[in-house]
Amino acid sequence: MDIPVDLILDIASGISFAVGLAFLLIGAFGMIRLPDVWARVHAAGIIDTIGAELIVFGMILQAGLTQASLKLLLIGLFLFVTSPTATHAVANAAFTAGLRPVRLRKNESAEVLGEEKQS
């Protein structure tokens, strides 16, 4: 039994699209439902990094070995590097602005910032 390569590529790209869409939906619901900025930043990182990468990978499989797939690969590499960096920058800005996680105790906040404890 001979299975055509095009069918295997279509199935693999369909799986990549479906899993990427699942990550995007889970991350979008997380952006709405999670309680604080820290959990939402985590959900946004999932959307950007994993979901988008899987969608781009599915497009690479559909494009085949062409110039378009090389461009998609470069886009995927750019997303892989910049998405976690942007997520970290947003989280750092939120922390610097004084936002703290919901369950963080006051003394932990002072230790992290290097402030003196006030008794």
N, C-alpha and C. Protein backbone atom coordinates (compact mmCIF):
# COMPACT_ATOMS: atom_id res chain seq x y z
N MET A 1 0.85 -1.17 0.00
CA MET A 1 0.00 0.00 0.00
C MET A 1 0.89 1.24 0.00
N ASP A 2 0.70 2.08 -0.98
CA ASP A 2 1.54 3.27 -1.14
C ASP A 2 0.74 4.50 -0.73
N ILE A 3 1.21 5.18 0.33
CA ILE A 3 0.55 6.39 0.82
C ILE A 3 1.26 7.59 0.20
N PRO A 4 0.53 8.47 -0.47
CA PRO A 4 1.16 9.63 -1.09
C PRO A 4 1.73 10.60 -0.05
N VAL A 5 2.86 11.18 -0.38
CA VAL A 5 3.54 12.11 0.52
C VAL A 5 2.68 13.35 0.76
N ASP A 6 1.95 13.78 -0.27
CA ASP A 6 1.08 14.95 -0.12
C ASP A 6 0.03 14.72 0.96
N LEU A 7 -0.51 13.52 1.02
CA LEU A 7 -1.51 13.20 2.05
C LEU A 7 -0.90 13.27 3.45
N ILE A 8 0.30 12.76 3.60
CA ILE A 8 0.98 12.80 4.91
C ILE A 8 1.26 14.24 5.31
N LEU A 9 1.72 15.07 4.36
CA LEU A 9 1.97 16.48 4.66
C LEU A 9 0.68 17.22 5.01
N ASP A 10 -0.41 16.90 4.30
CA ASP A 10 -1.69 17.54 4.61
C ASP A 10 -2.18 17.15 6.00
N ILE A 11 -2.02 15.89 6.37
CA ILE A 11 -2.44 15.44 7.70
C ILE A 11 -1.58 16.10 8.77
N ALA A 12 -0.26 16.14 8.56
CA ALA A 12 0.65 16.75 9.54
C ALA A 12 0.37 18.24 9.69
N SER A 13 0.14 18.93 8.60
CA SER A 13 -0.15 20.36 8.70
C SER A 13 -1.52 20.59 9.34
N GLY A 14 -2.49 19.74 9.05
CA GLY A 14 -3.79 19.86 9.70
C GLY A 14 -3.70 19.66 11.20
N ILE A 15 -2.89 18.70 11.63
CA ILE A 15 -2.68 18.48 13.07
C ILE A 15 -1.99 19.69 13.69
N SER A 16 -1.00 20.23 12.99
CA SER A 16 -0.30 21.41 13.49
C SER A 16 -1.24 22.61 13.61
N PHE A 17 -2.10 22.81 12.61
CA PHE A 17 -3.08 23.89 12.67
C PHE A 17 -4.05 23.68 13.84
N ALA A 18 -4.52 22.45 14.02
CA ALA A 18 -5.50 22.17 15.07
C ALA A 18 -4.90 22.37 16.47
N VAL A 19 -3.69 21.87 16.68
CA VAL A 19 -3.05 22.03 17.99
C VAL A 19 -2.71 23.51 18.24
N GLY A 20 -2.24 24.21 17.20
CA GLY A 20 -1.97 25.64 17.33
C GLY A 20 -3.23 26.43 17.66
N LEU A 21 -4.34 26.07 17.01
CA LEU A 21 -5.61 26.72 17.30
C LEU A 21 -6.06 26.44 18.73
N ALA A 22 -5.84 25.21 19.20
CA ALA A 22 -6.20 24.88 20.58
C ALA A 22 -5.41 25.73 21.57
N PHE A 23 -4.12 25.90 21.33
CA PHE A 23 -3.31 26.75 22.20
C PHE A 23 -3.78 28.20 22.14
N LEU A 24 -4.12 28.67 20.94
CA LEU A 24 -4.60 30.05 20.82
C LEU A 24 -5.91 30.24 21.58
N LEU A 25 -6.83 29.28 21.48
CA LEU A 25 -8.10 29.39 22.19
C LEU A 25 -7.92 29.32 23.70
N ILE A 26 -7.09 28.39 24.16
CA ILE A 26 -6.82 28.28 25.59
C ILE A 26 -6.19 29.56 26.12
N GLY A 27 -5.24 30.10 25.39
CA GLY A 27 -4.60 31.35 25.80
C GLY A 27 -5.57 32.52 25.78
N ALA A 28 -6.47 32.57 24.79
CA ALA A 28 -7.45 33.65 24.73
C ALA A 28 -8.42 33.58 25.90
N PHE A 29 -8.88 32.38 26.23
CA PHE A 29 -9.74 32.23 27.40
C PHE A 29 -8.98 32.59 28.67
N GLY A 30 -7.70 32.26 28.72
CA GLY A 30 -6.89 32.62 29.88
C GLY A 30 -6.76 34.12 30.03
N MET A 31 -6.65 34.83 28.92
CA MET A 31 -6.56 36.29 28.98
C MET A 31 -7.82 36.90 29.59
N ILE A 32 -8.94 36.25 29.38
CA ILE A 32 -10.21 36.76 29.89
C ILE A 32 -10.46 36.30 31.33
N ARG A 33 -10.17 35.04 31.62
CA ARG A 33 -10.61 34.44 32.87
C ARG A 33 -9.60 34.50 34.03
N LEU A 34 -8.34 34.67 33.77
CA LEU A 34 -7.36 34.61 34.84
C LEU A 34 -7.40 35.87 35.72
N PRO A 35 -7.04 35.74 37.01
CA PRO A 35 -7.33 36.78 37.98
C PRO A 35 -6.43 38.02 37.97
N ASP A 36 -5.16 37.88 37.64
CA ASP A 36 -4.28 39.04 37.75
C ASP A 36 -3.38 39.14 36.52
N VAL A 37 -2.61 40.23 36.50
CA VAL A 37 -1.78 40.52 35.33
C VAL A 37 -0.72 39.45 35.11
N TRP A 38 -0.24 38.83 36.18
CA TRP A 38 0.82 37.83 36.04
C TRP A 38 0.33 36.58 35.34
N ALA A 39 -0.84 36.13 35.69
CA ALA A 39 -1.42 34.96 35.03
C ALA A 39 -1.79 35.30 33.58
N ARG A 40 -2.24 36.51 33.36
CA ARG A 40 -2.59 36.92 32.00
C ARG A 40 -1.36 37.04 31.11
N VAL A 41 -0.26 37.51 31.67
CA VAL A 41 0.99 37.59 30.91
C VAL A 41 1.43 36.18 30.50
N HIS A 42 1.26 35.23 31.41
CA HIS A 42 1.60 33.84 31.09
C HIS A 42 0.74 33.32 29.95
N ALA A 43 -0.56 33.60 29.99
CA ALA A 43 -1.45 33.17 28.92
C ALA A 43 -1.08 33.82 27.59
N ALA A 44 -0.71 35.10 27.63
CA ALA A 44 -0.30 35.78 26.41
C ALA A 44 0.99 35.18 25.84
N GLY A 45 1.88 34.76 26.72
CA GLY A 45 3.11 34.12 26.26
C GLY A 45 2.83 32.79 25.56
N ILE A 46 1.85 32.06 26.06
CA ILE A 46 1.46 30.81 25.41
C ILE A 46 0.90 31.09 24.02
N ILE A 47 0.05 32.09 23.93
CA ILE A 47 -0.55 32.43 22.63
C ILE A 47 0.55 32.76 21.63
N ASP A 48 1.43 33.66 22.00
CA ASP A 48 2.44 34.14 21.07
C ASP A 48 3.44 33.06 20.69
N THR A 49 3.95 32.35 21.66
CA THR A 49 5.05 31.45 21.39
C THR A 49 4.58 30.13 20.78
N ILE A 50 3.78 29.39 21.49
CA ILE A 50 3.43 28.05 21.05
C ILE A 50 2.39 28.06 19.94
N GLY A 51 1.30 28.80 20.17
CA GLY A 51 0.21 28.80 19.19
C GLY A 51 0.64 29.32 17.82
N ALA A 52 1.31 30.45 17.83
CA ALA A 52 1.74 31.04 16.56
C ALA A 52 2.79 30.17 15.87
N GLU A 53 3.70 29.58 16.65
CA GLU A 53 4.73 28.72 16.05
C GLU A 53 4.11 27.50 15.37
N LEU A 54 3.11 26.91 15.99
CA LEU A 54 2.47 25.74 15.38
C LEU A 54 1.71 26.12 14.11
N ILE A 55 1.08 27.27 14.09
CA ILE A 55 0.40 27.74 12.88
C ILE A 55 1.42 27.98 11.77
N VAL A 56 2.52 28.62 12.09
CA VAL A 56 3.57 28.87 11.09
C VAL A 56 4.16 27.55 10.60
N PHE A 57 4.36 26.58 11.50
CA PHE A 57 4.88 25.28 11.10
C PHE A 57 3.92 24.57 10.13
N GLY A 58 2.62 24.66 10.39
CA GLY A 58 1.64 24.09 9.48
C GLY A 58 1.69 24.74 8.11
N MET A 59 1.91 26.07 8.09
CA MET A 59 2.03 26.76 6.80
C MET A 59 3.30 26.36 6.07
N ILE A 60 4.37 26.11 6.81
CA ILE A 60 5.61 25.65 6.18
C ILE A 60 5.39 24.30 5.51
N LEU A 61 4.67 23.41 6.20
CA LEU A 61 4.39 22.10 5.62
C LEU A 61 3.53 22.23 4.36
N GLN A 62 2.59 23.16 4.36
CA GLN A 62 1.74 23.36 3.19
C GLN A 62 2.51 23.99 2.03
N ALA A 63 3.47 24.86 2.32
CA ALA A 63 4.21 25.55 1.26
C ALA A 63 5.20 24.64 0.56
N GLY A 64 5.66 23.59 1.23
CA GLY A 64 6.65 22.72 0.62
C GLY A 64 8.03 23.36 0.67
N LEU A 65 8.92 22.86 -0.15
CA LEU A 65 10.29 23.37 -0.18
C LEU A 65 10.39 24.49 -1.21
N THR A 66 9.97 25.69 -0.78
CA THR A 66 9.96 26.85 -1.68
C THR A 66 10.56 28.05 -0.95
N GLN A 67 10.60 29.16 -1.67
CA GLN A 67 11.08 30.40 -1.06
C GLN A 67 10.11 30.87 0.03
N ALA A 68 8.83 30.59 -0.16
CA ALA A 68 7.83 30.97 0.85
C ALA A 68 8.08 30.24 2.16
N SER A 69 8.47 28.97 2.09
CA SER A 69 8.73 28.23 3.33
C SER A 69 9.96 28.78 4.05
N LEU A 70 10.94 29.26 3.31
CA LEU A 70 12.11 29.89 3.93
C LEU A 70 11.71 31.18 4.64
N LYS A 71 10.85 31.96 4.01
CA LYS A 71 10.36 33.19 4.64
C LYS A 71 9.55 32.86 5.89
N LEU A 72 8.71 31.84 5.81
CA LEU A 72 7.93 31.42 6.98
C LEU A 72 8.84 30.93 8.10
N LEU A 73 9.90 30.24 7.74
CA LEU A 73 10.86 29.78 8.75
C LEU A 73 11.52 30.96 9.46
N LEU A 74 11.87 31.98 8.70
CA LEU A 74 12.47 33.18 9.30
C LEU A 74 11.45 33.91 10.19
N ILE A 75 10.20 33.96 9.76
CA ILE A 75 9.15 34.56 10.59
C ILE A 75 9.00 33.77 11.88
N GLY A 76 9.00 32.45 11.78
CA GLY A 76 8.89 31.60 12.96
C GLY A 76 10.06 31.79 13.91
N LEU A 77 11.26 31.90 13.38
CA LEU A 77 12.44 32.16 14.21
C LEU A 77 12.33 33.51 14.91
N PHE A 78 11.88 34.52 14.18
CA PHE A 78 11.69 35.85 14.75
C PHE A 78 10.67 35.80 15.89
N LEU A 79 9.55 35.12 15.68
CA LEU A 79 8.54 34.98 16.73
C LEU A 79 9.08 34.22 17.93
N PHE A 80 9.86 33.19 17.68
CA PHE A 80 10.40 32.37 18.76
C PHE A 80 11.34 33.16 19.66
N VAL A 81 12.04 34.14 19.09
CA VAL A 81 12.97 34.95 19.87
C VAL A 81 12.26 36.13 20.53
N THR A 82 11.39 36.81 19.79
CA THR A 82 10.82 38.05 20.29
C THR A 82 9.63 37.87 21.24
N SER A 83 8.85 36.82 21.08
CA SER A 83 7.66 36.66 21.93
C SER A 83 8.01 36.48 23.41
N PRO A 84 8.91 35.57 23.78
CA PRO A 84 9.26 35.48 25.19
C PRO A 84 9.95 36.74 25.72
N THR A 85 10.72 37.39 24.87
CA THR A 85 11.39 38.63 25.29
C THR A 85 10.37 39.72 25.58
N ALA A 86 9.36 39.85 24.73
CA ALA A 86 8.32 40.85 24.95
C ALA A 86 7.49 40.52 26.19
N THR A 87 7.20 39.24 26.40
CA THR A 87 6.46 38.83 27.58
C THR A 87 7.24 39.18 28.85
N HIS A 88 8.53 38.93 28.84
CA HIS A 88 9.37 39.26 29.99
C HIS A 88 9.41 40.77 30.22
N ALA A 89 9.50 41.54 29.15
CA ALA A 89 9.54 42.99 29.28
C ALA A 89 8.24 43.53 29.88
N VAL A 90 7.11 42.99 29.46
CA VAL A 90 5.82 43.43 30.01
C VAL A 90 5.72 43.05 31.49
N ALA A 91 6.14 41.84 31.83
CA ALA A 91 6.10 41.41 33.23
C ALA A 91 7.03 42.26 34.09
N ASN A 92 8.20 42.57 33.59
CA ASN A 92 9.14 43.40 34.33
C ASN A 92 8.59 44.82 34.52
N ALA A 93 7.95 45.36 33.50
CA ALA A 93 7.35 46.68 33.62
C ALA A 93 6.21 46.68 34.64
N ALA A 94 5.42 45.62 34.65
CA ALA A 94 4.32 45.53 35.62
C ALA A 94 4.88 45.44 37.04
N PHE A 95 5.94 44.67 37.23
CA PHE A 95 6.54 44.55 38.56
C PHE A 95 7.14 45.87 39.01
N THR A 96 7.82 46.56 38.11
CA THR A 96 8.43 47.84 38.43
C THR A 96 7.36 48.90 38.75
N ALA A 97 6.21 48.79 38.10
CA ALA A 97 5.11 49.73 38.34
C ALA A 97 4.41 49.47 39.67
N GLY A 98 4.74 48.37 40.33
CA GLY A 98 4.17 48.10 41.63
C GLY A 98 3.09 47.05 41.66
N LEU A 99 2.77 46.46 40.54
CA LEU A 99 1.78 45.39 40.53
C LEU A 99 2.39 44.13 41.12
N ARG A 100 1.67 43.47 41.98
CA ARG A 100 2.15 42.26 42.63
C ARG A 100 1.14 41.13 42.41
N PRO A 101 1.61 39.91 42.39
CA PRO A 101 0.68 38.78 42.29
C PRO A 101 -0.31 38.77 43.45
N VAL A 102 -1.48 38.19 43.22
CA VAL A 102 -2.56 38.21 44.20
C VAL A 102 -2.14 37.60 45.53
N ARG A 103 -1.40 36.52 45.51
CA ARG A 103 -1.06 35.81 46.74
C ARG A 103 0.32 36.13 47.29
N LEU A 104 0.94 37.18 46.81
CA LEU A 104 2.26 37.55 47.30
C LEU A 104 2.12 38.30 48.62
N ARG A 105 2.88 37.86 49.63
CA ARG A 105 2.86 38.56 50.93
C ARG A 105 3.68 39.82 50.85
N LYS A 106 3.40 40.78 51.71
CA LYS A 106 4.10 42.07 51.68
C LYS A 106 5.60 41.90 51.92
N ASN A 107 5.99 41.04 52.86
CA ASN A 107 7.41 40.90 53.16
C ASN A 107 8.16 40.27 51.98
N GLU A 108 7.51 39.41 51.20
CA GLU A 108 8.17 38.86 50.01
C GLU A 108 8.41 39.95 48.99
N SER A 109 7.47 40.86 48.84
CA SER A 109 7.62 41.96 47.90
C SER A 109 8.81 42.83 48.27
N ALA A 110 8.98 43.12 49.54
CA ALA A 110 10.09 43.95 49.99
C ALA A 110 11.42 43.25 49.76
N GLU A 111 11.48 41.94 49.99
CA GLU A 111 12.73 41.20 49.79
C GLU A 111 13.11 41.18 48.32
N VAL A 112 12.13 41.01 47.45
CA VAL A 112 12.41 40.95 46.02
C VAL A 112 12.92 42.29 45.51
N LEU A 113 12.35 43.36 46.01
CA LEU A 113 12.77 44.69 45.56
C LEU A 113 14.03 45.19 46.24
N GLY A 114 14.50 44.49 47.28
CA GLY A 114 15.69 44.90 47.99
C GLY A 114 15.42 46.02 48.98
N GLU A 115 14.17 46.18 49.35
CA GLU A 115 13.82 47.23 50.33
C GLU A 115 14.02 46.69 51.73
N GLU A 116 14.17 47.61 52.66
CA GLU A 116 14.31 47.21 54.06
C GLU A 116 12.94 46.84 54.60
N LYS A 117 12.93 45.86 55.50
CA LYS A 117 11.68 45.45 56.13
C LYS A 117 11.26 46.50 57.14
N GLN A 118 9.99 46.80 57.13
CA GLN A 118 9.46 47.73 58.11
C GLN A 118 8.65 46.94 59.13
N SER A 119 9.02 47.08 60.39
CA SER A 119 8.34 46.33 61.43
C SER A 119 7.18 47.09 61.99
